[in-house]
Amino acid sequence: MVIRRASCEEDVLAAAHIYDEIHTEEEAGRTVIGWARGVYPTERDARSSFGKDELFVMECDGEIVASAKINREQVDVYADASWSVDAPADKVMVLHTLTVSPRYAGKGLGAAFVRFYEDYAMENGCPYLRIDTNERNANARRLYKKLGYTEVGVVPCVFNGISGVSLVCLEKNL
C-alpha cells in the first residue's frame, strides 16, 4: 500500500470513480454519508483538488482504492465551531473528502489514510488537525473518535451545495 500525491489523469478518474461507487452504495441504502450524486463530490471536485496539488491517493497492487484532499483550507463554517485552540491558519492542516472504495471497506484503509494525513501535517509544520463530516456519517464519526479526534461542534449549513447538512467539526492537536 502506497499513499501519494495524485500525479496523472488516471488518478483523478480513479478518485471520481470511488465517489461514484460511494454514491451508488448510498442510493442503494447500504451506507449513509450525506452526499448527493452530481452535487458533491464529483469528478470536477477531484480535478480541482488535483489542479491545486492537493489530491492524494492510496494505491494497492496498482489500483487506486482511496483518496482525500489535504490542505490548509478551513471552510467558512469552521468559524462557528468551538475549537480548543485559536490556532494560526498556517499551522492548521485539514483533511477533506476522505474516501475508500466500498470494495475495500473494513480493511483499515481509512485509518491508514488518516495516519498518513497526521504525518504529512507534522512534516509541514501543522500540529493542529481539523476534519469535518456529515452528522449522518456514523462510520466516519466512529473512525475519527477511535483515532483520537474530538468533536467540537455540529454546525447547520449548506455544505458543498448540499442543503440541510449538520456538519460535525473534529480536531486533534499533536
N, C-alpha and C. Protein backbone atom coordinates (compact mmCIF):
# COMPACT_ATOMS: atom_id res chain seq x y z
N MET A 1 0.85 -1.18 0.00
CA MET A 1 0.00 0.00 0.00
C MET A 1 0.90 1.24 0.00
N VAL A 2 0.57 2.17 -0.90
CA VAL A 2 1.30 3.43 -1.01
C VAL A 2 0.29 4.57 -1.04
N ILE A 3 0.54 5.59 -0.25
CA ILE A 3 -0.26 6.82 -0.32
C ILE A 3 0.65 7.88 -0.90
N ARG A 4 0.15 8.56 -1.94
CA ARG A 4 0.97 9.53 -2.65
C ARG A 4 0.10 10.65 -3.19
N ARG A 5 0.76 11.72 -3.56
CA ARG A 5 0.07 12.82 -4.23
C ARG A 5 -0.38 12.34 -5.60
N ALA A 6 -1.60 12.65 -5.98
CA ALA A 6 -2.08 12.28 -7.32
C ALA A 6 -1.17 12.91 -8.36
N SER A 7 -0.89 12.14 -9.42
CA SER A 7 0.12 12.62 -10.37
C SER A 7 -0.32 12.60 -11.83
N CYS A 8 -1.53 12.10 -12.10
CA CYS A 8 -1.91 11.97 -13.51
C CYS A 8 -3.44 11.91 -13.65
N GLU A 9 -3.88 11.98 -14.88
CA GLU A 9 -5.30 11.92 -15.21
C GLU A 9 -5.95 10.65 -14.67
N GLU A 10 -5.25 9.54 -14.72
CA GLU A 10 -5.81 8.27 -14.23
C GLU A 10 -6.11 8.34 -12.74
N ASP A 11 -5.29 9.05 -11.99
CA ASP A 11 -5.55 9.21 -10.55
C ASP A 11 -6.82 10.01 -10.31
N VAL A 12 -7.02 11.06 -11.09
CA VAL A 12 -8.23 11.88 -10.97
C VAL A 12 -9.46 11.04 -11.28
N LEU A 13 -9.40 10.28 -12.37
CA LEU A 13 -10.54 9.45 -12.77
C LEU A 13 -10.80 8.35 -11.74
N ALA A 14 -9.75 7.81 -11.15
CA ALA A 14 -9.92 6.77 -10.13
C ALA A 14 -10.60 7.35 -8.89
N ALA A 15 -10.20 8.55 -8.48
CA ALA A 15 -10.85 9.19 -7.32
C ALA A 15 -12.32 9.43 -7.62
N ALA A 16 -12.62 9.93 -8.82
CA ALA A 16 -14.01 10.18 -9.20
C ALA A 16 -14.80 8.88 -9.26
N HIS A 17 -14.17 7.80 -9.67
CA HIS A 17 -14.85 6.50 -9.70
C HIS A 17 -15.22 6.05 -8.29
N ILE A 18 -14.33 6.29 -7.33
CA ILE A 18 -14.64 5.95 -5.94
C ILE A 18 -15.83 6.77 -5.46
N TYR A 19 -15.87 8.06 -5.81
CA TYR A 19 -17.03 8.88 -5.45
C TYR A 19 -18.30 8.24 -5.98
N ASP A 20 -18.26 7.80 -7.25
CA ASP A 20 -19.45 7.18 -7.85
C ASP A 20 -19.82 5.88 -7.15
N GLU A 21 -18.83 5.09 -6.77
CA GLU A 21 -19.11 3.85 -6.03
C GLU A 21 -19.83 4.16 -4.72
N ILE A 22 -19.37 5.19 -4.03
CA ILE A 22 -19.97 5.57 -2.76
C ILE A 22 -21.39 6.10 -2.97
N HIS A 23 -21.58 6.92 -4.00
CA HIS A 23 -22.93 7.39 -4.32
C HIS A 23 -23.87 6.21 -4.57
N THR A 24 -23.40 5.22 -5.30
CA THR A 24 -24.22 4.04 -5.59
C THR A 24 -24.59 3.31 -4.31
N GLU A 25 -23.63 3.15 -3.41
CA GLU A 25 -23.90 2.48 -2.13
C GLU A 25 -24.93 3.25 -1.31
N GLU A 26 -24.79 4.57 -1.32
CA GLU A 26 -25.73 5.39 -0.55
C GLU A 26 -27.14 5.34 -1.17
N GLU A 27 -27.21 5.43 -2.47
CA GLU A 27 -28.51 5.37 -3.15
C GLU A 27 -29.21 4.03 -2.94
N ALA A 28 -28.41 2.97 -2.77
CA ALA A 28 -28.97 1.64 -2.54
C ALA A 28 -29.30 1.41 -1.06
N GLY A 29 -28.98 2.39 -0.20
CA GLY A 29 -29.29 2.26 1.22
C GLY A 29 -28.30 1.42 2.00
N ARG A 30 -27.13 1.14 1.43
CA ARG A 30 -26.14 0.31 2.12
C ARG A 30 -25.16 1.12 2.96
N THR A 31 -25.19 2.44 2.82
CA THR A 31 -24.35 3.31 3.63
C THR A 31 -25.02 4.67 3.72
N VAL A 32 -24.61 5.45 4.70
CA VAL A 32 -25.12 6.81 4.85
C VAL A 32 -23.92 7.74 5.01
N ILE A 33 -23.73 8.57 4.01
CA ILE A 33 -22.63 9.54 4.02
C ILE A 33 -23.19 10.96 4.09
N GLY A 34 -24.28 11.20 3.33
CA GLY A 34 -24.87 12.53 3.27
C GLY A 34 -24.45 13.31 2.05
N TRP A 35 -23.94 12.61 1.03
CA TRP A 35 -23.54 13.25 -0.22
C TRP A 35 -24.67 13.16 -1.23
N ALA A 36 -24.51 13.82 -2.36
CA ALA A 36 -25.52 13.80 -3.42
C ALA A 36 -24.84 13.67 -4.78
N ARG A 37 -25.19 12.64 -5.51
CA ARG A 37 -24.61 12.43 -6.84
C ARG A 37 -24.87 13.66 -7.71
N GLY A 38 -23.87 14.07 -8.43
CA GLY A 38 -23.98 15.22 -9.31
C GLY A 38 -23.79 16.55 -8.60
N VAL A 39 -23.76 16.51 -7.26
CA VAL A 39 -23.57 17.74 -6.48
C VAL A 39 -22.21 17.71 -5.79
N TYR A 40 -21.98 16.69 -4.97
CA TYR A 40 -20.71 16.55 -4.24
C TYR A 40 -20.58 15.15 -3.69
N PRO A 41 -19.38 14.58 -3.80
CA PRO A 41 -18.27 15.02 -4.63
C PRO A 41 -18.43 14.51 -6.07
N THR A 42 -17.79 15.21 -6.98
CA THR A 42 -17.88 14.87 -8.40
C THR A 42 -16.48 14.84 -9.00
N GLU A 43 -16.40 14.43 -10.24
CA GLU A 43 -15.12 14.45 -10.94
C GLU A 43 -14.54 15.88 -10.95
N ARG A 44 -15.40 16.87 -11.05
CA ARG A 44 -14.97 18.27 -11.02
C ARG A 44 -14.21 18.57 -9.72
N ASP A 45 -14.70 18.02 -8.59
CA ASP A 45 -14.02 18.23 -7.31
C ASP A 45 -12.64 17.58 -7.31
N ALA A 46 -12.56 16.36 -7.85
CA ALA A 46 -11.26 15.68 -7.93
C ALA A 46 -10.30 16.47 -8.81
N ARG A 47 -10.80 16.98 -9.94
CA ARG A 47 -9.96 17.77 -10.85
C ARG A 47 -9.47 19.06 -10.18
N SER A 48 -10.36 19.71 -9.45
CA SER A 48 -9.99 20.94 -8.76
C SER A 48 -8.89 20.66 -7.73
N SER A 49 -9.06 19.61 -6.95
CA SER A 49 -8.05 19.24 -5.94
C SER A 49 -6.72 18.90 -6.61
N PHE A 50 -6.80 18.16 -7.70
CA PHE A 50 -5.59 17.79 -8.44
C PHE A 50 -4.90 19.04 -8.98
N GLY A 51 -5.68 19.96 -9.53
CA GLY A 51 -5.13 21.19 -10.08
C GLY A 51 -4.42 22.05 -9.05
N LYS A 52 -4.82 21.91 -7.80
CA LYS A 52 -4.18 22.66 -6.70
C LYS A 52 -3.09 21.84 -6.02
N ASP A 53 -2.83 20.64 -6.54
CA ASP A 53 -1.81 19.73 -5.98
C ASP A 53 -2.18 19.26 -4.57
N GLU A 54 -3.51 19.09 -4.33
CA GLU A 54 -4.00 18.72 -3.00
C GLU A 54 -4.69 17.36 -2.97
N LEU A 55 -4.72 16.66 -4.09
CA LEU A 55 -5.37 15.35 -4.15
C LEU A 55 -4.34 14.26 -3.87
N PHE A 56 -4.66 13.41 -2.91
CA PHE A 56 -3.80 12.29 -2.55
C PHE A 56 -4.58 11.00 -2.79
N VAL A 57 -3.85 9.95 -3.19
CA VAL A 57 -4.48 8.67 -3.46
C VAL A 57 -3.73 7.55 -2.76
N MET A 58 -4.47 6.50 -2.45
CA MET A 58 -3.89 5.28 -1.89
C MET A 58 -3.94 4.22 -2.97
N GLU A 59 -2.79 3.62 -3.22
CA GLU A 59 -2.69 2.59 -4.26
C GLU A 59 -2.33 1.25 -3.63
N CYS A 60 -3.10 0.23 -3.97
CA CYS A 60 -2.82 -1.13 -3.52
C CYS A 60 -2.76 -2.02 -4.76
N ASP A 61 -1.65 -2.69 -4.94
CA ASP A 61 -1.48 -3.60 -6.08
C ASP A 61 -1.84 -2.94 -7.40
N GLY A 62 -1.42 -1.69 -7.58
CA GLY A 62 -1.65 -0.99 -8.82
C GLY A 62 -3.02 -0.37 -8.99
N GLU A 63 -3.91 -0.51 -7.99
CA GLU A 63 -5.26 0.04 -8.07
C GLU A 63 -5.43 1.15 -7.04
N ILE A 64 -6.04 2.27 -7.47
CA ILE A 64 -6.36 3.34 -6.54
C ILE A 64 -7.60 2.91 -5.76
N VAL A 65 -7.47 2.83 -4.42
CA VAL A 65 -8.55 2.31 -3.58
C VAL A 65 -9.08 3.34 -2.58
N ALA A 66 -8.42 4.49 -2.49
CA ALA A 66 -8.84 5.53 -1.56
C ALA A 66 -8.27 6.86 -2.03
N SER A 67 -8.90 7.94 -1.57
CA SER A 67 -8.40 9.27 -1.93
C SER A 67 -8.83 10.28 -0.86
N ALA A 68 -8.16 11.42 -0.88
CA ALA A 68 -8.52 12.53 0.01
C ALA A 68 -7.88 13.80 -0.50
N LYS A 69 -8.44 14.90 -0.07
CA LYS A 69 -7.87 16.22 -0.33
C LYS A 69 -7.26 16.68 0.98
N ILE A 70 -6.02 17.13 0.94
CA ILE A 70 -5.33 17.61 2.14
C ILE A 70 -4.77 19.00 1.84
N ASN A 71 -5.12 19.95 2.72
CA ASN A 71 -4.62 21.31 2.56
C ASN A 71 -4.79 22.09 3.87
N ARG A 72 -4.57 23.38 3.79
CA ARG A 72 -4.72 24.25 4.97
C ARG A 72 -6.03 25.03 4.91
N GLU A 73 -6.92 24.67 4.02
CA GLU A 73 -8.16 25.43 3.81
C GLU A 73 -9.24 25.03 4.82
N GLN A 74 -9.56 25.95 5.71
CA GLN A 74 -10.64 25.75 6.66
C GLN A 74 -11.90 26.35 6.05
N VAL A 75 -12.91 25.53 5.85
CA VAL A 75 -14.14 26.02 5.24
C VAL A 75 -14.80 27.05 6.14
N ASP A 76 -15.61 27.93 5.53
CA ASP A 76 -16.21 29.05 6.25
C ASP A 76 -16.93 28.65 7.53
N VAL A 77 -17.67 27.53 7.49
CA VAL A 77 -18.46 27.13 8.66
C VAL A 77 -17.60 26.74 9.85
N TYR A 78 -16.32 26.52 9.64
CA TYR A 78 -15.43 26.22 10.77
C TYR A 78 -15.42 27.37 11.78
N ALA A 79 -15.71 28.57 11.33
CA ALA A 79 -15.74 29.72 12.23
C ALA A 79 -16.79 29.56 13.33
N ASP A 80 -17.79 28.71 13.10
CA ASP A 80 -18.86 28.50 14.08
C ASP A 80 -18.60 27.32 15.01
N ALA A 81 -17.47 26.67 14.88
CA ALA A 81 -17.13 25.55 15.76
C ALA A 81 -16.33 26.06 16.97
N SER A 82 -16.36 25.30 18.04
CA SER A 82 -15.66 25.68 19.28
C SER A 82 -14.33 24.95 19.38
N TRP A 83 -13.38 25.38 18.56
CA TRP A 83 -12.05 24.75 18.56
C TRP A 83 -11.37 24.99 19.91
N SER A 84 -10.60 24.03 20.36
CA SER A 84 -9.94 24.16 21.66
C SER A 84 -8.79 25.16 21.63
N VAL A 85 -8.24 25.40 20.45
CA VAL A 85 -7.11 26.32 20.30
C VAL A 85 -7.42 27.27 19.15
N ASP A 86 -7.17 28.54 19.37
CA ASP A 86 -7.30 29.53 18.30
C ASP A 86 -5.99 29.48 17.51
N ALA A 87 -5.85 28.44 16.71
CA ALA A 87 -4.59 28.16 16.03
C ALA A 87 -4.38 29.10 14.83
N PRO A 88 -3.15 29.50 14.60
CA PRO A 88 -2.86 30.29 13.40
C PRO A 88 -3.17 29.46 12.15
N ALA A 89 -3.77 30.08 11.16
CA ALA A 89 -4.20 29.35 9.95
C ALA A 89 -3.07 28.58 9.30
N ASP A 90 -1.85 29.09 9.35
CA ASP A 90 -0.74 28.41 8.69
C ASP A 90 -0.23 27.20 9.49
N LYS A 91 -0.82 26.96 10.66
CA LYS A 91 -0.44 25.81 11.49
C LYS A 91 -1.54 24.76 11.55
N VAL A 92 -2.60 24.95 10.74
CA VAL A 92 -3.73 24.03 10.71
C VAL A 92 -3.72 23.26 9.39
N MET A 93 -3.84 21.94 9.47
CA MET A 93 -3.98 21.11 8.27
C MET A 93 -5.36 20.48 8.31
N VAL A 94 -6.01 20.40 7.14
CA VAL A 94 -7.38 19.90 7.06
C VAL A 94 -7.44 18.72 6.10
N LEU A 95 -8.16 17.69 6.52
CA LEU A 95 -8.43 16.52 5.67
C LEU A 95 -9.86 16.65 5.16
N HIS A 96 -10.01 16.65 3.84
CA HIS A 96 -11.32 16.78 3.20
C HIS A 96 -11.61 15.54 2.35
N THR A 97 -12.86 15.17 2.27
CA THR A 97 -13.35 14.18 1.30
C THR A 97 -12.53 12.89 1.32
N LEU A 98 -12.32 12.35 2.50
CA LEU A 98 -11.66 11.05 2.61
C LEU A 98 -12.61 9.99 2.08
N THR A 99 -12.15 9.23 1.10
CA THR A 99 -12.97 8.17 0.53
C THR A 99 -12.18 6.87 0.47
N VAL A 100 -12.89 5.77 0.68
CA VAL A 100 -12.34 4.43 0.48
C VAL A 100 -13.34 3.69 -0.39
N SER A 101 -12.86 3.03 -1.42
CA SER A 101 -13.75 2.25 -2.26
C SER A 101 -14.54 1.28 -1.40
N PRO A 102 -15.86 1.21 -1.60
CA PRO A 102 -16.67 0.26 -0.82
C PRO A 102 -16.18 -1.18 -0.95
N ARG A 103 -15.49 -1.47 -2.03
CA ARG A 103 -14.95 -2.83 -2.22
C ARG A 103 -13.83 -3.14 -1.22
N TYR A 104 -13.29 -2.10 -0.58
CA TYR A 104 -12.19 -2.26 0.36
C TYR A 104 -12.56 -1.80 1.77
N ALA A 105 -13.84 -1.59 2.01
CA ALA A 105 -14.30 -1.13 3.32
C ALA A 105 -13.96 -2.16 4.40
N GLY A 106 -13.68 -1.65 5.59
CA GLY A 106 -13.44 -2.53 6.73
C GLY A 106 -12.05 -3.14 6.78
N LYS A 107 -11.14 -2.67 5.96
CA LYS A 107 -9.79 -3.24 5.91
C LYS A 107 -8.74 -2.32 6.53
N GLY A 108 -9.19 -1.25 7.21
CA GLY A 108 -8.26 -0.34 7.88
C GLY A 108 -7.65 0.72 6.97
N LEU A 109 -8.14 0.85 5.75
CA LEU A 109 -7.54 1.80 4.82
C LEU A 109 -7.84 3.25 5.22
N GLY A 110 -9.04 3.50 5.73
CA GLY A 110 -9.37 4.85 6.19
C GLY A 110 -8.45 5.28 7.32
N ALA A 111 -8.23 4.39 8.27
CA ALA A 111 -7.34 4.69 9.40
C ALA A 111 -5.91 4.93 8.90
N ALA A 112 -5.46 4.13 7.95
CA ALA A 112 -4.11 4.31 7.40
C ALA A 112 -3.99 5.66 6.71
N PHE A 113 -5.06 6.07 6.01
CA PHE A 113 -5.02 7.37 5.33
C PHE A 113 -4.97 8.50 6.35
N VAL A 114 -5.72 8.38 7.45
CA VAL A 114 -5.70 9.42 8.48
C VAL A 114 -4.31 9.49 9.12
N ARG A 115 -3.67 8.37 9.36
CA ARG A 115 -2.31 8.37 9.92
C ARG A 115 -1.34 9.07 8.95
N PHE A 116 -1.50 8.80 7.64
CA PHE A 116 -0.68 9.48 6.64
C PHE A 116 -0.90 11.00 6.73
N TYR A 117 -2.16 11.41 6.82
CA TYR A 117 -2.51 12.83 6.94
C TYR A 117 -1.84 13.45 8.17
N GLU A 118 -1.86 12.76 9.28
CA GLU A 118 -1.25 13.28 10.50
C GLU A 118 0.26 13.45 10.33
N ASP A 119 0.90 12.46 9.72
CA ASP A 119 2.35 12.55 9.47
C ASP A 119 2.65 13.70 8.50
N TYR A 120 1.84 13.81 7.46
CA TYR A 120 2.01 14.87 6.46
C TYR A 120 1.87 16.24 7.13
N ALA A 121 0.88 16.39 8.00
CA ALA A 121 0.67 17.65 8.70
C ALA A 121 1.90 18.01 9.53
N MET A 122 2.42 17.07 10.29
CA MET A 122 3.58 17.34 11.13
C MET A 122 4.80 17.69 10.27
N GLU A 123 5.00 16.96 9.17
CA GLU A 123 6.13 17.25 8.28
C GLU A 123 6.03 18.65 7.70
N ASN A 124 4.82 19.19 7.63
CA ASN A 124 4.60 20.51 7.07
C ASN A 124 4.34 21.58 8.15
N GLY A 125 4.71 21.26 9.39
CA GLY A 125 4.64 22.24 10.47
C GLY A 125 3.24 22.59 10.93
N CYS A 126 2.31 21.65 10.81
CA CYS A 126 0.91 21.90 11.20
C CYS A 126 0.48 20.93 12.29
N PRO A 127 0.63 21.32 13.56
CA PRO A 127 0.25 20.43 14.65
C PRO A 127 -1.24 20.43 14.97
N TYR A 128 -2.02 21.30 14.31
CA TYR A 128 -3.45 21.39 14.57
C TYR A 128 -4.21 20.76 13.41
N LEU A 129 -4.88 19.66 13.69
CA LEU A 129 -5.57 18.90 12.65
C LEU A 129 -7.07 19.12 12.75
N ARG A 130 -7.69 19.32 11.61
CA ARG A 130 -9.14 19.53 11.57
C ARG A 130 -9.74 18.69 10.45
N ILE A 131 -10.92 18.15 10.75
CA ILE A 131 -11.67 17.30 9.83
C ILE A 131 -13.14 17.64 10.01
N ASP A 132 -13.93 17.42 8.99
CA ASP A 132 -15.37 17.54 9.16
C ASP A 132 -16.04 16.34 8.50
N THR A 133 -17.26 16.08 8.93
CA THR A 133 -18.07 15.03 8.31
C THR A 133 -19.53 15.36 8.55
N ASN A 134 -20.37 14.79 7.74
CA ASN A 134 -21.81 14.96 7.91
C ASN A 134 -22.23 14.25 9.19
N GLU A 135 -23.10 14.86 9.96
CA GLU A 135 -23.59 14.25 11.20
C GLU A 135 -24.16 12.86 10.95
N ARG A 136 -24.72 12.64 9.77
CA ARG A 136 -25.33 11.35 9.43
C ARG A 136 -24.30 10.25 9.18
N ASN A 137 -23.03 10.60 8.99
CA ASN A 137 -22.00 9.64 8.65
C ASN A 137 -21.42 8.99 9.91
N ALA A 138 -22.17 8.03 10.44
CA ALA A 138 -21.78 7.37 11.70
C ALA A 138 -20.46 6.63 11.58
N ASN A 139 -20.18 6.03 10.43
CA ASN A 139 -18.92 5.29 10.26
C ASN A 139 -17.72 6.22 10.38
N ALA A 140 -17.77 7.37 9.73
CA ALA A 140 -16.65 8.31 9.82
C ALA A 140 -16.50 8.83 11.25
N ARG A 141 -17.60 9.12 11.89
CA ARG A 141 -17.53 9.64 13.25
C ARG A 141 -16.90 8.61 14.19
N ARG A 142 -17.24 7.34 14.02
CA ARG A 142 -16.63 6.28 14.85
C ARG A 142 -15.13 6.18 14.58
N LEU A 143 -14.77 6.22 13.30
CA LEU A 143 -13.36 6.12 12.93
C LEU A 143 -12.56 7.26 13.55
N TYR A 144 -13.03 8.49 13.37
CA TYR A 144 -12.28 9.63 13.88
C TYR A 144 -12.17 9.60 15.40
N LYS A 145 -13.23 9.19 16.08
CA LYS A 145 -13.17 9.08 17.54
C LYS A 145 -12.13 8.04 17.95
N LYS A 146 -12.14 6.91 17.28
CA LYS A 146 -11.18 5.83 17.57
C LYS A 146 -9.73 6.31 17.37
N LEU A 147 -9.54 7.23 16.42
CA LEU A 147 -8.20 7.74 16.12
C LEU A 147 -7.82 8.96 16.95
N GLY A 148 -8.66 9.30 17.95
CA GLY A 148 -8.31 10.36 18.88
C GLY A 148 -8.80 11.75 18.53
N TYR A 149 -9.73 11.86 17.60
CA TYR A 149 -10.30 13.16 17.24
C TYR A 149 -11.47 13.48 18.16
N THR A 150 -11.63 14.76 18.47
CA THR A 150 -12.69 15.25 19.34
C THR A 150 -13.67 16.07 18.53
N GLU A 151 -14.95 15.78 18.70
CA GLU A 151 -15.99 16.58 18.06
C GLU A 151 -16.12 17.89 18.83
N VAL A 152 -15.97 19.01 18.12
CA VAL A 152 -16.00 20.32 18.79
C VAL A 152 -17.24 21.14 18.42
N GLY A 153 -18.08 20.59 17.58
CA GLY A 153 -19.30 21.31 17.22
C GLY A 153 -20.01 20.68 16.06
N VAL A 154 -21.32 20.92 16.02
CA VAL A 154 -22.15 20.49 14.89
C VAL A 154 -22.79 21.77 14.36
N VAL A 155 -22.46 22.10 13.11
CA VAL A 155 -22.87 23.37 12.52
C VAL A 155 -23.86 23.12 11.39
N PRO A 156 -25.10 23.62 11.51
CA PRO A 156 -26.06 23.51 10.42
C PRO A 156 -25.63 24.42 9.26
N CYS A 157 -25.68 23.88 8.03
CA CYS A 157 -25.20 24.69 6.91
C CYS A 157 -25.63 24.08 5.57
N VAL A 158 -25.36 24.82 4.52
CA VAL A 158 -25.36 24.29 3.16
C VAL A 158 -23.90 23.97 2.91
N PHE A 159 -23.58 22.72 2.63
CA PHE A 159 -22.19 22.32 2.52
C PHE A 159 -21.92 21.73 1.15
N ASN A 160 -21.02 22.35 0.41
CA ASN A 160 -20.67 21.90 -0.94
C ASN A 160 -21.91 21.72 -1.82
N GLY A 161 -22.87 22.63 -1.66
CA GLY A 161 -24.07 22.61 -2.49
C GLY A 161 -25.18 21.72 -1.97
N ILE A 162 -24.97 21.06 -0.84
CA ILE A 162 -25.98 20.17 -0.26
C ILE A 162 -26.63 20.90 0.91
N SER A 163 -27.94 21.14 0.81
CA SER A 163 -28.62 21.88 1.89
C SER A 163 -29.02 20.93 3.02
N GLY A 164 -29.26 21.52 4.19
CA GLY A 164 -29.72 20.76 5.34
C GLY A 164 -28.66 19.91 6.00
N VAL A 165 -27.39 20.24 5.81
CA VAL A 165 -26.31 19.46 6.40
C VAL A 165 -26.05 19.94 7.83
N SER A 166 -25.84 18.99 8.71
CA SER A 166 -25.32 19.28 10.04
C SER A 166 -23.88 18.79 10.02
N LEU A 167 -22.95 19.74 9.93
CA LEU A 167 -21.53 19.43 9.75
C LEU A 167 -20.86 19.25 11.10
N VAL A 168 -20.31 18.08 11.33
CA VAL A 168 -19.56 17.78 12.55
C VAL A 168 -18.12 18.21 12.33
N CYS A 169 -17.62 19.09 13.18
CA CYS A 169 -16.25 19.55 13.12
C CYS A 169 -15.44 18.81 14.18
N LEU A 170 -14.29 18.28 13.76
CA LEU A 170 -13.46 17.50 14.65
C LEU A 170 -12.03 18.04 14.64
N GLU A 171 -11.33 17.82 15.76
CA GLU A 171 -9.95 18.28 15.84
C GLU A 171 -9.08 17.26 16.60
N LYS A 172 -7.81 17.39 16.33
CA LYS A 172 -6.79 16.66 17.09
C LYS A 172 -5.55 17.55 17.07
N ASN A 173 -5.02 17.80 18.23
CA ASN A 173 -3.84 18.64 18.34
C ASN A 173 -2.65 17.76 18.70
N LEU A 174 -1.65 17.80 17.86
CA LEU A 174 -0.48 16.93 18.06
C LEU A 174 0.60 17.63 18.89
